[in-house]
Amino acid sequence: MDFGLGFDKVVVILVMAAVFIGPKRLPAYAAKAARFVRGARALADQARERMRDEIGPEFDDVEWSTLDPRRYDPRRIIREALREDPPRQPSAVTAAHDRDGEDAGPAQKGNQ
């Protein structure tokens, strides 16, 4: 996972932590942070394995990046939905034409 933290940002965070926490307590807090990260990673791995077990072999075939909600633009979705033509319902005239093989409008249909 990439949280958008470059080396320079990490250094700034470490310097700020050293200033605010103090050099004496910094190792203890760093150890706590490391334990938290390891626990979070283990939890994510367990969740991934459970999903793989429940979904089955299709789990590896899923393109997860396409499901990223940051990729969806509501304006684009609405624009595309409005641009699409609704499915056409066959009218009675079209159905009668298909059934008889010729154009049987309402006036002709009554005479048959």
N, C-alpha and C. Protein backbone atom coordinates (compact mmCIF):
# COMPACT_ATOMS: atom_id res chain seq x y z
N MET A 1 0.85 -1.19 0.00
CA MET A 1 0.00 0.00 0.00
C MET A 1 0.89 1.24 0.00
N ASP A 2 0.45 2.18 -0.76
CA ASP A 2 1.19 3.43 -0.83
C ASP A 2 0.29 4.53 -0.27
N PHE A 3 0.76 5.16 0.79
CA PHE A 3 -0.03 6.22 1.42
C PHE A 3 0.40 7.60 0.94
N GLY A 4 1.22 7.65 -0.09
CA GLY A 4 1.67 8.93 -0.62
C GLY A 4 2.72 9.59 0.25
N LEU A 5 3.41 8.81 1.06
CA LEU A 5 4.45 9.36 1.92
C LEU A 5 5.80 9.12 1.27
N GLY A 6 6.45 10.20 0.89
CA GLY A 6 7.79 10.10 0.36
C GLY A 6 8.80 10.14 1.50
N PHE A 7 10.05 10.00 1.14
CA PHE A 7 11.12 9.99 2.14
C PHE A 7 11.17 11.31 2.91
N ASP A 8 10.99 12.42 2.20
CA ASP A 8 11.05 13.73 2.85
C ASP A 8 9.93 13.91 3.88
N LYS A 9 8.74 13.41 3.57
CA LYS A 9 7.62 13.53 4.51
C LYS A 9 7.84 12.66 5.74
N VAL A 10 8.41 11.48 5.55
CA VAL A 10 8.70 10.60 6.68
C VAL A 10 9.73 11.24 7.60
N VAL A 11 10.73 11.88 7.02
CA VAL A 11 11.77 12.55 7.83
C VAL A 11 11.15 13.68 8.64
N VAL A 12 10.27 14.46 8.03
CA VAL A 12 9.61 15.56 8.74
C VAL A 12 8.77 15.01 9.90
N ILE A 13 8.05 13.92 9.65
CA ILE A 13 7.24 13.31 10.71
C ILE A 13 8.12 12.83 11.86
N LEU A 14 9.25 12.20 11.53
CA LEU A 14 10.17 11.71 12.58
C LEU A 14 10.76 12.86 13.39
N VAL A 15 11.12 13.94 12.72
CA VAL A 15 11.67 15.09 13.44
C VAL A 15 10.61 15.69 14.35
N MET A 16 9.39 15.82 13.86
CA MET A 16 8.31 16.38 14.69
C MET A 16 8.03 15.45 15.87
N ALA A 17 8.05 14.14 15.64
CA ALA A 17 7.83 13.19 16.73
C ALA A 17 8.93 13.31 17.77
N ALA A 18 10.18 13.47 17.33
CA ALA A 18 11.31 13.60 18.27
C ALA A 18 11.17 14.87 19.10
N VAL A 19 10.66 15.93 18.48
CA VAL A 19 10.52 17.19 19.20
C VAL A 19 9.36 17.11 20.20
N PHE A 20 8.21 16.61 19.75
CA PHE A 20 7.04 16.61 20.63
C PHE A 20 7.07 15.51 21.68
N ILE A 21 7.54 14.33 21.32
CA ILE A 21 7.55 13.21 22.26
C ILE A 21 8.78 13.26 23.15
N GLY A 22 9.87 13.63 22.58
CA GLY A 22 11.12 13.68 23.34
C GLY A 22 11.98 12.47 23.05
N PRO A 23 13.26 12.64 23.14
CA PRO A 23 14.18 11.55 22.78
C PRO A 23 14.12 10.36 23.75
N LYS A 24 13.70 10.59 24.98
CA LYS A 24 13.65 9.48 25.94
C LYS A 24 12.49 8.54 25.68
N ARG A 25 11.32 9.09 25.32
CA ARG A 25 10.13 8.28 25.10
C ARG A 25 9.98 7.82 23.65
N LEU A 26 10.76 8.35 22.73
CA LEU A 26 10.63 8.04 21.31
C LEU A 26 10.80 6.54 21.01
N PRO A 27 11.80 5.84 21.56
CA PRO A 27 11.93 4.39 21.26
C PRO A 27 10.69 3.58 21.69
N ALA A 28 10.11 3.91 22.83
CA ALA A 28 8.93 3.17 23.28
C ALA A 28 7.75 3.40 22.33
N TYR A 29 7.56 4.65 21.91
CA TYR A 29 6.47 4.95 20.98
C TYR A 29 6.74 4.32 19.60
N ALA A 30 7.98 4.29 19.18
CA ALA A 30 8.32 3.65 17.91
C ALA A 30 8.01 2.16 17.96
N ALA A 31 8.30 1.52 19.10
CA ALA A 31 8.01 0.09 19.25
C ALA A 31 6.50 -0.14 19.21
N LYS A 32 5.73 0.73 19.87
CA LYS A 32 4.27 0.61 19.84
C LYS A 32 3.74 0.79 18.42
N ALA A 33 4.29 1.75 17.69
CA ALA A 33 3.86 1.97 16.31
C ALA A 33 4.19 0.76 15.45
N ALA A 34 5.36 0.16 15.66
CA ALA A 34 5.75 -1.02 14.89
C ALA A 34 4.81 -2.19 15.18
N ARG A 35 4.45 -2.38 16.47
CA ARG A 35 3.51 -3.44 16.82
C ARG A 35 2.15 -3.20 16.17
N PHE A 36 1.71 -1.95 16.16
CA PHE A 36 0.43 -1.62 15.54
C PHE A 36 0.46 -1.93 14.04
N VAL A 37 1.53 -1.55 13.36
CA VAL A 37 1.62 -1.79 11.92
C VAL A 37 1.65 -3.29 11.64
N ARG A 38 2.41 -4.05 12.43
CA ARG A 38 2.45 -5.51 12.25
C ARG A 38 1.07 -6.12 12.48
N GLY A 39 0.37 -5.67 13.50
CA GLY A 39 -0.97 -6.18 13.78
C GLY A 39 -1.95 -5.84 12.66
N ALA A 40 -1.87 -4.61 12.15
CA ALA A 40 -2.76 -4.22 11.06
C ALA A 40 -2.46 -5.03 9.80
N ARG A 41 -1.19 -5.27 9.53
CA ARG A 41 -0.82 -6.06 8.36
C ARG A 41 -1.30 -7.51 8.51
N ALA A 42 -1.17 -8.07 9.72
CA ALA A 42 -1.64 -9.44 9.96
C ALA A 42 -3.16 -9.52 9.81
N LEU A 43 -3.87 -8.51 10.29
CA LEU A 43 -5.32 -8.47 10.15
C LEU A 43 -5.73 -8.40 8.68
N ALA A 44 -5.03 -7.58 7.90
CA ALA A 44 -5.32 -7.48 6.47
C ALA A 44 -5.02 -8.79 5.76
N ASP A 45 -3.95 -9.45 6.12
CA ASP A 45 -3.62 -10.75 5.51
C ASP A 45 -4.68 -11.80 5.84
N GLN A 46 -5.14 -11.80 7.10
CA GLN A 46 -6.19 -12.75 7.49
C GLN A 46 -7.48 -12.49 6.72
N ALA A 47 -7.82 -11.22 6.56
CA ALA A 47 -9.04 -10.87 5.81
C ALA A 47 -8.90 -11.31 4.35
N ARG A 48 -7.73 -11.10 3.76
CA ARG A 48 -7.50 -11.50 2.37
C ARG A 48 -7.62 -13.02 2.23
N GLU A 49 -7.03 -13.76 3.16
CA GLU A 49 -7.10 -15.22 3.10
C GLU A 49 -8.53 -15.72 3.28
N ARG A 50 -9.27 -15.08 4.17
CA ARG A 50 -10.66 -15.48 4.38
C ARG A 50 -11.49 -15.23 3.13
N MET A 51 -11.27 -14.08 2.49
CA MET A 51 -11.98 -13.79 1.23
C MET A 51 -11.60 -14.80 0.16
N ARG A 52 -10.32 -15.14 0.08
CA ARG A 52 -9.87 -16.11 -0.91
C ARG A 52 -10.53 -17.47 -0.66
N ASP A 53 -10.66 -17.85 0.62
CA ASP A 53 -11.31 -19.13 0.95
C ASP A 53 -12.79 -19.10 0.61
N GLU A 54 -13.46 -17.98 0.87
CA GLU A 54 -14.90 -17.90 0.65
C GLU A 54 -15.25 -17.72 -0.82
N ILE A 55 -14.46 -16.93 -1.54
CA ILE A 55 -14.76 -16.67 -2.95
C ILE A 55 -14.28 -17.81 -3.82
N GLY A 56 -13.14 -18.38 -3.48
CA GLY A 56 -12.60 -19.49 -4.26
C GLY A 56 -11.58 -19.01 -5.27
N PRO A 57 -11.38 -19.79 -6.33
CA PRO A 57 -10.33 -19.46 -7.30
C PRO A 57 -10.61 -18.17 -8.08
N GLU A 58 -11.85 -17.71 -8.10
CA GLU A 58 -12.17 -16.47 -8.81
C GLU A 58 -11.55 -15.25 -8.14
N PHE A 59 -11.15 -15.39 -6.88
CA PHE A 59 -10.57 -14.27 -6.13
C PHE A 59 -9.33 -13.72 -6.82
N ASP A 60 -8.51 -14.60 -7.37
CA ASP A 60 -7.28 -14.17 -8.03
C ASP A 60 -7.55 -13.54 -9.39
N ASP A 61 -8.72 -13.82 -9.99
CA ASP A 61 -9.05 -13.29 -11.30
C ASP A 61 -9.67 -11.89 -11.25
N VAL A 62 -10.07 -11.44 -10.07
CA VAL A 62 -10.73 -10.15 -9.94
C VAL A 62 -9.70 -9.03 -10.13
N GLU A 63 -10.04 -8.06 -10.95
CA GLU A 63 -9.19 -6.89 -11.15
C GLU A 63 -9.61 -5.85 -10.11
N TRP A 64 -8.93 -5.85 -8.96
CA TRP A 64 -9.33 -5.03 -7.82
C TRP A 64 -9.19 -3.54 -8.09
N SER A 65 -8.29 -3.15 -8.95
CA SER A 65 -8.11 -1.71 -9.20
C SER A 65 -9.33 -1.11 -9.89
N THR A 66 -10.10 -1.91 -10.62
CA THR A 66 -11.30 -1.37 -11.26
C THR A 66 -12.41 -1.11 -10.26
N LEU A 67 -12.32 -1.68 -9.07
CA LEU A 67 -13.34 -1.48 -8.04
C LEU A 67 -13.01 -0.35 -7.09
N ASP A 68 -11.94 0.38 -7.36
CA ASP A 68 -11.52 1.48 -6.51
C ASP A 68 -12.53 2.61 -6.60
N PRO A 69 -13.17 2.99 -5.50
CA PRO A 69 -14.21 4.03 -5.57
C PRO A 69 -13.67 5.39 -5.99
N ARG A 70 -12.38 5.60 -5.87
CA ARG A 70 -11.81 6.88 -6.30
C ARG A 70 -11.82 7.03 -7.81
N ARG A 71 -12.03 5.94 -8.54
CA ARG A 71 -12.04 5.99 -10.00
C ARG A 71 -13.40 6.40 -10.55
N TYR A 72 -14.43 6.38 -9.73
CA TYR A 72 -15.78 6.69 -10.19
C TYR A 72 -16.06 8.18 -10.09
N ASP A 73 -16.51 8.74 -11.17
CA ASP A 73 -16.89 10.14 -11.22
C ASP A 73 -18.41 10.18 -11.39
N PRO A 74 -19.15 10.64 -10.37
CA PRO A 74 -20.61 10.62 -10.48
C PRO A 74 -21.13 11.41 -11.68
N ARG A 75 -20.44 12.48 -12.02
CA ARG A 75 -20.89 13.27 -13.18
C ARG A 75 -20.80 12.46 -14.46
N ARG A 76 -19.72 11.68 -14.61
CA ARG A 76 -19.55 10.86 -15.81
C ARG A 76 -20.59 9.75 -15.84
N ILE A 77 -20.88 9.13 -14.69
CA ILE A 77 -21.85 8.05 -14.65
C ILE A 77 -23.23 8.57 -15.04
N ILE A 78 -23.61 9.73 -14.53
CA ILE A 78 -24.92 10.30 -14.86
C ILE A 78 -24.96 10.69 -16.33
N ARG A 79 -23.88 11.30 -16.82
CA ARG A 79 -23.82 11.72 -18.21
C ARG A 79 -23.98 10.51 -19.13
N GLU A 80 -23.29 9.41 -18.84
CA GLU A 80 -23.40 8.22 -19.67
C GLU A 80 -24.78 7.58 -19.56
N ALA A 81 -25.37 7.61 -18.38
CA ALA A 81 -26.70 7.04 -18.22
C ALA A 81 -27.74 7.84 -18.99
N LEU A 82 -27.60 9.15 -19.04
CA LEU A 82 -28.55 9.98 -19.77
C LEU A 82 -28.34 9.87 -21.27
N ARG A 83 -27.13 9.58 -21.69
CA ARG A 83 -26.81 9.48 -23.11
C ARG A 83 -27.32 8.17 -23.70
N GLU A 84 -27.42 7.13 -22.91
CA GLU A 84 -27.86 5.83 -23.41
C GLU A 84 -29.33 5.88 -23.79
N ASP A 85 -29.67 5.18 -24.87
CA ASP A 85 -31.06 5.06 -25.27
C ASP A 85 -31.73 3.98 -24.43
N PRO A 86 -32.93 4.24 -23.93
CA PRO A 86 -33.62 3.20 -23.15
C PRO A 86 -33.99 2.04 -24.06
N PRO A 87 -34.09 0.84 -23.52
CA PRO A 87 -34.48 -0.30 -24.36
C PRO A 87 -35.87 -0.07 -24.93
N ARG A 88 -36.04 -0.40 -26.20
CA ARG A 88 -37.31 -0.16 -26.87
C ARG A 88 -38.27 -1.30 -26.59
N GLN A 89 -39.49 -0.94 -26.22
CA GLN A 89 -40.54 -1.92 -26.00
C GLN A 89 -41.27 -2.14 -27.33
N PRO A 90 -41.50 -3.38 -27.72
CA PRO A 90 -42.22 -3.60 -28.98
C PRO A 90 -43.67 -3.11 -28.85
N SER A 91 -44.10 -2.38 -29.84
CA SER A 91 -45.48 -1.88 -29.81
C SER A 91 -46.42 -2.96 -30.34
N ALA A 92 -47.71 -2.73 -30.22
CA ALA A 92 -48.71 -3.69 -30.69
C ALA A 92 -48.62 -3.85 -32.20
N VAL A 93 -48.33 -2.76 -32.92
CA VAL A 93 -48.22 -2.82 -34.38
C VAL A 93 -47.02 -3.66 -34.77
N THR A 94 -45.89 -3.47 -34.10
CA THR A 94 -44.69 -4.24 -34.40
C THR A 94 -44.91 -5.72 -34.08
N ALA A 95 -45.56 -6.01 -32.96
CA ALA A 95 -45.83 -7.39 -32.59
C ALA A 95 -46.76 -8.05 -33.60
N ALA A 96 -47.78 -7.32 -34.05
CA ALA A 96 -48.70 -7.88 -35.04
C ALA A 96 -47.98 -8.11 -36.36
N HIS A 97 -47.09 -7.22 -36.74
CA HIS A 97 -46.32 -7.36 -37.97
C HIS A 97 -45.42 -8.59 -37.90
N ASP A 98 -44.78 -8.80 -36.76
CA ASP A 98 -43.90 -9.94 -36.59
C ASP A 98 -44.69 -11.25 -36.60
N ARG A 99 -45.91 -11.23 -36.05
CA ARG A 99 -46.71 -12.44 -35.94
C ARG A 99 -47.29 -12.83 -37.31
N ASP A 100 -47.78 -11.87 -38.08
CA ASP A 100 -48.46 -12.17 -39.34
C ASP A 100 -47.52 -12.14 -40.53
N GLY A 101 -46.38 -11.54 -40.39
CA GLY A 101 -45.46 -11.45 -41.51
C GLY A 101 -45.74 -10.28 -42.41
N GLU A 102 -46.74 -9.53 -42.14
CA GLU A 102 -47.04 -8.32 -42.89
C GLU A 102 -47.53 -7.26 -41.93
N ASP A 103 -47.65 -6.04 -42.42
CA ASP A 103 -48.06 -4.93 -41.58
C ASP A 103 -49.55 -5.04 -41.31
N ALA A 104 -49.90 -5.36 -40.07
CA ALA A 104 -51.30 -5.46 -39.69
C ALA A 104 -51.57 -4.40 -38.65
N GLY A 105 -51.97 -3.24 -39.10
CA GLY A 105 -52.26 -2.14 -38.21
C GLY A 105 -53.57 -2.40 -37.49
N PRO A 106 -53.99 -1.49 -36.61
CA PRO A 106 -55.22 -1.68 -35.85
C PRO A 106 -56.45 -1.80 -36.73
N ALA A 107 -56.52 -1.05 -37.86
CA ALA A 107 -57.70 -1.11 -38.73
C ALA A 107 -57.74 -2.44 -39.47
N GLN A 108 -56.60 -2.93 -39.94
CA GLN A 108 -56.56 -4.19 -40.66
C GLN A 108 -56.76 -5.37 -39.72
N LYS A 109 -56.33 -5.26 -38.51
CA LYS A 109 -56.41 -6.35 -37.56
C LYS A 109 -57.86 -6.70 -37.25
N GLY A 110 -58.71 -5.71 -37.17
CA GLY A 110 -60.12 -5.95 -36.88
C GLY A 110 -60.85 -6.61 -38.02
N ASN A 111 -60.39 -6.43 -39.26
CA ASN A 111 -61.04 -6.98 -40.44
C ASN A 111 -60.66 -8.43 -40.69
N GLN A 112 -59.70 -8.96 -40.02
CA GLN A 112 -59.23 -10.31 -40.29
C GLN A 112 -60.03 -11.35 -39.61
